[in-house]
Every structure is written in structure tokens, then in C-alpha cells.
Amino acid sequence: MQDLAFVSFEHYPFPPCEINWTDLYREPELVKHILQVWRDDGVPVNVPLMVTESNVSWALTQPMADTFAALWLADNAGSFLASGGAAFYHSPIQPEPLRSGCHGYSTYGNFVANEKLEIQQHTSQYFASQMINLEWVKHGAGVHELFPAEADVKDDAGHVLVTAYAVKRPGGEWSLMLINKDPSNAHAVKIEFADSSGKQAARFTGPVTMVTFGAEQYAWHPEGAKSHADPDGPTARKTLAGKDGEVVALPKASVTVLRGKID
């Protein structure tokens, strides 16, 4: 084991014909669990763990093209890195035509293409990838610091509806990725930062960039071989004024990034 440079594995968590919305609530714990299983099975803590291929399921299924897939991908990547994963690769992403799968027509990739592989539309995972790589973290900018984050929004069954992932970017800016997995309701959240003792609180100050992608920006219409997205993006962007006690509304079924300085 000590001779290993890394350990890589694939992550395809859900049976293609059994997926339902509540599977989103399970994803962070599934990721945390499998990383711990590798360590319990003897992979040393100094050997990096890498996801080198992943998607919602191992076989084609309509939720891959729906908003479900965007929220799943953001939670999958965020929970993997927050739980100590070293490198995350999402694939496949290539353009391909729609094909029939469980529950309807869909695609594995980030694009919907015609038979000539010409891109016709973007899928929800394309926009989620932008949210992760361009809005939450800054690709190619240098070392980012990950910090624990949590939200206390739950439904009556005890499901955690909002998950949070916090990064300090190389320039000193703080970036939060917040995933509202409630398919029907927006949720208001108050953002606070605390030191390791949990006592010293800080908040966003000055301008805060808010970028959102979700059910209001994207909807998949299942129409057999003519299935399509409408609307098909783009993300929604605005600037907030960071103020003491600021409450931010997270739209239903959405991924939101908040980015700014703290006091």
C-alpha cells in the first residue's frame, strides 16, 4: 500500500431506473462513507484518493439531463473535496445525441448534439460545472483553502435541505457554494463565519457576488427524441451589499455561490 502514488475510483451511486428526488439528500453521506471505507480497508492517509469518473448513474437515465443532475454534481464535488478527496474528475462530458434510457431520453454529457455531433444545447451539468470551476473556486488561480460548513435547514422528515461548502480563494476572497435541494420552496439563510472555537463571528462585508443556477434558469421537457431544455440557462447574477444580519434567499432546486470579503 505504501508504494501507491494514488488510489482512483469511479462514482455512479444510483440505479438508473430507481432514481427519485430524495436521493439528492443521500449524496454527501454516500461520498463521505466511501472515502472512509478506502481508509478502513488500508489505504494510508498520505495516499491521495481521486474520483476519476462519475455521474448520477452507470446507465443512461432522464435525471442526468434534468435539474436533479446539476444539484447532484455540485453536492458530489463539494462533499468529495470537503471530506478529504484529492482530485475530482467528472466524465463523460463530450457532445452526443439524445438516446433513450430509463424514464426517457437523456445524455451522459454536458451537451445535447445532433447526429453530426454539432452542439444544440447545454445540459444542466454544464452549468453546474461552470458554477463549481468558475464561480465557487477559481480555476488556475492557485491553492484554495477548504473549511467546514453546514446549514440547519431541514424538512419534517429530517432531511438536510441545504448543504454548504466554504472555500477561501487565493486572493483572500471567501466563496460559499449553497445547494437548496428543496424542489418546491425557496429558503432564507443567514450567513455567519466562525473561528475554530465557534465563538468569533464574522460576516460578509462590502459587495457580495451572488450567482445562481437552478429550476428558474433551466427546465428539461421530456418529449421523446425531441426532449429539450427551455429555459436553457444562463446563470443568474447580481451583487448584494454585505450587511450585518443579511439574509439571503436561496431559490428552490438551485445551486448558489456567494463570494466576497468578510469583516
Protein backbone atom coordinates (compact mmCIF):
# COMPACT_ATOMS: atom_id res chain seq x y z
CA MET A 1 0.00 0.00 0.00
CA GLN A 2 2.83 2.40 0.81
CA ASP A 3 4.04 2.12 -2.79
CA LEU A 4 0.82 3.62 -4.15
CA ALA A 5 1.07 7.11 -5.64
CA PHE A 6 -2.72 7.46 -5.51
CA VAL A 7 -5.96 5.46 -5.48
CA SER A 8 -8.64 6.28 -8.05
CA PHE A 9 -12.20 5.05 -8.28
CA GLU A 10 -15.48 5.68 -10.12
CA HIS A 11 -18.64 7.02 -8.52
CA TYR A 12 -22.02 6.10 -10.06
CA PRO A 13 -24.29 5.96 -7.00
CA PHE A 14 -27.89 5.42 -8.13
CA PRO A 15 -29.65 2.60 -10.03
CA PRO A 16 -30.83 4.20 -13.31
CA CYS A 17 -34.47 3.11 -13.10
CA GLU A 18 -34.94 3.80 -9.38
CA ILE A 19 -33.77 7.41 -9.04
CA ASN A 20 -36.04 9.81 -7.19
CA TRP A 21 -35.56 13.33 -5.89
CA THR A 22 -34.84 12.22 -2.31
CA ASP A 23 -31.63 10.55 -3.50
CA LEU A 24 -30.13 14.05 -3.51
CA TYR A 25 -30.34 14.11 0.28
CA ARG A 26 -28.14 10.99 0.47
CA GLU A 27 -25.24 12.09 -1.74
CA PRO A 28 -22.99 13.88 0.80
CA GLU A 29 -23.08 10.94 3.21
CA LEU A 30 -22.51 8.42 0.40
CA VAL A 31 -19.36 10.26 -0.62
CA LYS A 32 -18.09 10.66 2.94
CA HIS A 33 -18.74 6.97 3.60
CA ILE A 34 -16.87 5.63 0.57
CA LEU A 35 -13.82 7.75 1.34
CA GLN A 36 -13.78 6.34 4.85
CA VAL A 37 -14.18 2.78 3.51
CA TRP A 38 -10.97 3.19 1.47
CA ARG A 39 -9.10 4.28 4.60
CA ASP A 40 -10.62 1.50 6.71
CA ASP A 41 -9.56 -1.02 4.04
CA GLY A 42 -5.94 0.02 4.48
CA VAL A 43 -5.22 2.91 2.10
CA PRO A 44 -2.75 5.10 4.05
CA VAL A 45 -3.83 8.65 4.88
CA ASN A 46 -0.91 10.05 2.85
CA VAL A 47 -2.12 8.34 -0.36
CA PRO A 48 -4.43 10.70 -2.30
CA LEU A 49 -7.94 9.48 -3.17
CA MET A 50 -9.26 10.52 -6.57
CA VAL A 51 -12.61 10.25 -8.34
CA THR A 52 -11.66 9.84 -11.98
CA GLU A 53 -15.11 9.14 -13.47
CA SER A 54 -18.56 9.91 -12.15
CA ASN A 55 -22.18 10.58 -12.97
CA VAL A 56 -25.63 10.19 -11.47
CA SER A 57 -25.84 6.54 -12.58
CA TRP A 58 -23.90 3.91 -14.50
CA ALA A 59 -26.60 3.70 -17.19
CA LEU A 60 -28.49 6.35 -19.10
CA THR A 61 -31.43 7.88 -17.25
CA GLN A 62 -33.51 11.01 -17.77
CA PRO A 63 -32.50 12.69 -14.48
CA MET A 64 -28.99 13.09 -15.99
CA ALA A 65 -30.42 15.88 -18.16
CA ASP A 66 -32.70 17.41 -15.53
CA THR A 67 -32.02 19.97 -12.79
CA PHE A 68 -31.54 16.97 -10.48
CA ALA A 69 -28.16 16.30 -12.13
CA ALA A 70 -26.88 19.85 -11.58
CA LEU A 71 -27.63 19.75 -7.86
CA TRP A 72 -26.19 16.25 -7.59
CA LEU A 73 -22.93 17.26 -9.31
CA ALA A 74 -22.42 20.31 -7.09
CA ASP A 75 -23.03 18.21 -3.96
CA ASN A 76 -20.88 15.37 -5.27
CA ALA A 77 -17.86 17.57 -5.98
CA GLY A 78 -18.28 19.69 -2.87
CA SER A 79 -18.69 16.78 -0.47
CA PHE A 80 -15.79 14.86 -2.03
CA LEU A 81 -13.35 17.74 -1.56
CA ALA A 82 -14.74 18.69 1.86
CA SER A 83 -14.30 15.07 3.02
CA GLY A 84 -10.62 14.97 2.09
CA GLY A 85 -10.65 13.86 -1.54
CA ALA A 86 -7.61 14.95 -3.52
CA ALA A 87 -8.73 15.23 -7.16
CA PHE A 88 -12.15 15.17 -8.79
CA TYR A 89 -12.88 14.42 -12.45
CA HIS A 90 -16.41 14.39 -13.82
CA SER A 91 -16.96 12.46 -17.02
CA PRO A 92 -18.08 11.84 -19.67
CA ILE A 93 -18.68 15.39 -20.89
CA GLN A 94 -18.46 15.02 -24.68
CA PRO A 95 -21.27 16.07 -27.07
CA GLU A 96 -23.59 13.25 -28.12
CA PRO A 97 -27.16 12.90 -29.43
CA LEU A 98 -30.02 12.14 -27.08
CA ARG A 99 -30.67 8.45 -26.54
CA SER A 100 -33.43 6.53 -24.82
CA GLY A 101 -32.79 5.47 -21.24
CA CYS A 102 -34.71 4.86 -18.04
CA HIS A 103 -37.60 7.31 -17.64
CA GLY A 104 -36.94 8.95 -21.01
CA TYR A 105 -34.38 10.39 -23.40
CA SER A 106 -31.16 11.80 -22.00
CA THR A 107 -27.39 12.17 -22.40
CA TYR A 108 -24.33 11.49 -20.26
CA GLY A 109 -22.58 14.64 -21.38
CA ASN A 110 -22.62 18.39 -20.87
CA PHE A 111 -24.14 18.98 -24.29
CA VAL A 112 -27.04 17.89 -26.47
CA ALA A 113 -25.78 17.33 -30.01
CA ASN A 114 -27.30 16.29 -33.33
CA GLU A 115 -26.25 13.24 -35.33
CA LYS A 116 -23.28 15.22 -36.71
CA LEU A 117 -22.18 15.89 -33.10
CA GLU A 118 -22.92 19.59 -33.51
CA ILE A 119 -23.86 21.12 -30.16
CA GLN A 120 -27.50 22.19 -29.99
CA GLN A 121 -27.94 22.85 -26.27
CA HIS A 122 -26.20 22.69 -22.91
CA THR A 123 -27.35 20.32 -20.18
CA SER A 124 -27.79 21.15 -16.51
CA GLN A 125 -24.43 19.59 -15.64
CA TYR A 126 -22.69 22.02 -17.99
CA PHE A 127 -23.98 24.93 -15.92
CA ALA A 128 -23.20 23.14 -12.65
CA SER A 129 -19.63 22.62 -13.87
CA GLN A 130 -19.33 26.35 -14.53
CA MET A 131 -20.66 27.09 -11.05
CA ILE A 132 -18.06 24.79 -9.48
CA ASN A 133 -14.99 25.64 -11.59
CA LEU A 134 -15.52 29.32 -12.36
CA GLU A 135 -17.72 30.73 -9.60
CA TRP A 136 -17.05 28.71 -6.42
CA VAL A 137 -13.35 28.06 -7.00
CA LYS A 138 -11.15 29.93 -9.46
CA HIS A 139 -9.60 27.56 -11.97
CA GLY A 140 -5.83 28.00 -12.30
CA ALA A 141 -5.59 30.69 -9.61
CA GLY A 142 -3.57 28.69 -7.07
CA VAL A 143 -4.19 26.94 -3.77
CA HIS A 144 -7.68 27.21 -2.28
CA GLU A 145 -8.35 26.52 1.41
CA LEU A 146 -11.40 24.42 2.27
CA PHE A 147 -13.24 24.96 5.55
CA PRO A 148 -16.10 23.04 7.22
CA ALA A 149 -19.56 24.50 6.60
CA GLU A 150 -23.08 23.45 7.46
CA ALA A 151 -26.67 24.63 7.27
CA ASP A 152 -29.56 23.84 9.59
CA VAL A 153 -32.42 23.82 7.09
CA LYS A 154 -34.32 20.51 7.29
CA ASP A 155 -37.72 19.19 6.27
CA ASP A 156 -40.22 17.46 8.56
CA ALA A 157 -38.62 14.09 7.81
CA GLY A 158 -35.21 15.33 8.98
CA HIS A 159 -33.64 15.58 5.51
CA VAL A 160 -30.96 18.24 5.23
CA LEU A 161 -32.32 20.50 2.51
CA VAL A 162 -29.40 22.92 2.21
CA THR A 163 -25.76 21.88 2.02
CA ALA A 164 -22.86 24.35 2.18
CA TYR A 165 -19.23 24.28 1.05
CA ALA A 166 -16.78 27.04 2.03
CA VAL A 167 -13.56 27.99 0.28
CA LYS A 168 -11.05 30.78 0.84
CA ARG A 169 -9.75 31.67 -2.59
CA PRO A 170 -6.09 32.57 -3.27
CA GLY A 171 -6.81 36.32 -3.31
CA GLY A 172 -8.39 36.23 0.16
CA GLU A 173 -11.98 36.22 -1.07
CA TRP A 174 -14.41 33.83 0.62
CA SER A 175 -16.67 31.70 -1.55
CA LEU A 176 -19.68 29.68 -0.40
CA MET A 177 -21.49 27.13 -2.56
CA LEU A 178 -25.01 26.58 -1.23
CA ILE A 179 -27.30 23.88 -2.61
CA ASN A 180 -31.03 24.11 -1.92
CA LYS A 181 -32.39 20.63 -2.58
CA ASP A 182 -35.98 21.53 -1.76
CA PRO A 183 -37.81 21.07 -5.10
CA SER A 184 -40.74 23.28 -4.11
CA ASN A 185 -39.60 26.05 -1.78
CA ALA A 186 -37.03 28.81 -1.51
CA HIS A 187 -35.21 29.10 1.82
CA ALA A 188 -33.78 32.16 3.53
CA VAL A 189 -30.38 31.70 5.17
CA LYS A 190 -28.25 33.95 7.34
CA ILE A 191 -24.53 33.64 6.61
CA GLU A 192 -22.06 33.67 9.51
CA PHE A 193 -18.37 32.74 9.73
CA ALA A 194 -16.82 31.49 12.98
CA ASP A 195 -13.29 30.72 14.17
CA SER A 196 -12.20 27.25 15.27
CA SER A 197 -13.66 27.83 18.74
CA GLY A 198 -17.03 28.69 17.22
CA LYS A 199 -17.13 31.95 19.15
CA GLN A 200 -15.70 34.72 16.97
CA ALA A 201 -18.31 35.53 14.33
CA ALA A 202 -17.71 37.34 11.05
CA ARG A 203 -19.93 38.24 8.12
CA PHE A 204 -19.67 39.29 4.51
CA THR A 205 -18.85 42.97 4.15
CA GLY A 206 -18.91 45.20 1.09
CA PRO A 207 -20.15 43.92 -2.28
CA VAL A 208 -21.04 40.22 -2.46
CA THR A 209 -21.35 38.45 -5.79
CA MET A 210 -24.33 36.09 -5.96
CA VAL A 211 -24.59 33.59 -8.83
CA THR A 212 -27.45 31.10 -9.06
CA PHE A 213 -28.40 28.21 -11.33
CA GLY A 214 -31.49 26.09 -10.81
CA ALA A 215 -35.11 25.45 -11.68
CA GLU A 216 -35.72 29.09 -12.62
CA GLN A 217 -32.86 29.02 -15.16
CA TYR A 218 -33.31 25.52 -16.56
CA ALA A 219 -36.17 23.10 -17.19
CA TRP A 220 -35.99 19.80 -19.05
CA HIS A 221 -39.02 18.94 -21.20
CA PRO A 222 -39.35 15.17 -21.82
CA GLU A 223 -40.65 14.80 -25.36
CA GLY A 224 -39.02 11.59 -26.52
CA ALA A 225 -36.30 12.11 -29.13
CA LYS A 226 -37.25 15.81 -29.19
CA SER A 227 -36.64 16.30 -25.48
CA HIS A 228 -35.03 19.65 -24.75
CA ALA A 229 -34.31 22.30 -22.15
CA ASP A 230 -36.30 25.54 -22.02
CA PRO A 231 -35.08 27.73 -20.46
CA ASP A 232 -31.51 26.55 -21.02
CA GLY A 233 -29.57 28.97 -18.82
CA PRO A 234 -27.78 31.21 -18.35
CA THR A 235 -26.99 31.56 -14.65
CA ALA A 236 -28.50 34.49 -12.76
CA ARG A 237 -26.03 37.02 -11.36
CA LYS A 238 -26.37 40.02 -9.07
CA THR A 239 -24.41 41.98 -6.48
CA LEU A 240 -25.55 42.21 -2.86
CA ALA A 241 -24.46 44.68 -0.20
CA GLY A 242 -22.84 42.75 2.63
CA LYS A 243 -24.57 43.94 5.82
CA ASP A 244 -24.82 42.73 9.40
CA GLY A 245 -27.66 40.21 9.65
CA GLU A 246 -28.05 39.93 5.87
CA VAL A 247 -30.46 37.16 4.92
CA VAL A 248 -30.07 35.53 1.50
CA ALA A 249 -32.93 33.74 -0.26
CA LEU A 250 -31.92 30.51 -1.98
CA PRO A 251 -34.36 29.69 -4.82
CA LYS A 252 -35.95 26.25 -4.94
CA ALA A 253 -33.87 23.47 -6.55
CA SER A 254 -30.78 25.61 -7.03
CA VAL A 255 -27.03 25.96 -6.67
CA THR A 256 -25.92 29.39 -5.43
CA VAL A 257 -22.43 30.80 -4.98
CA LEU A 258 -21.82 33.78 -2.68
CA ARG A 259 -18.43 35.41 -2.98
CA GLY A 260 -16.87 38.36 -1.15
CA LYS A 261 -14.72 39.64 1.70
CA ILE A 262 -15.53 39.17 5.39
CA ASP A 263 -15.05 41.58 8.30
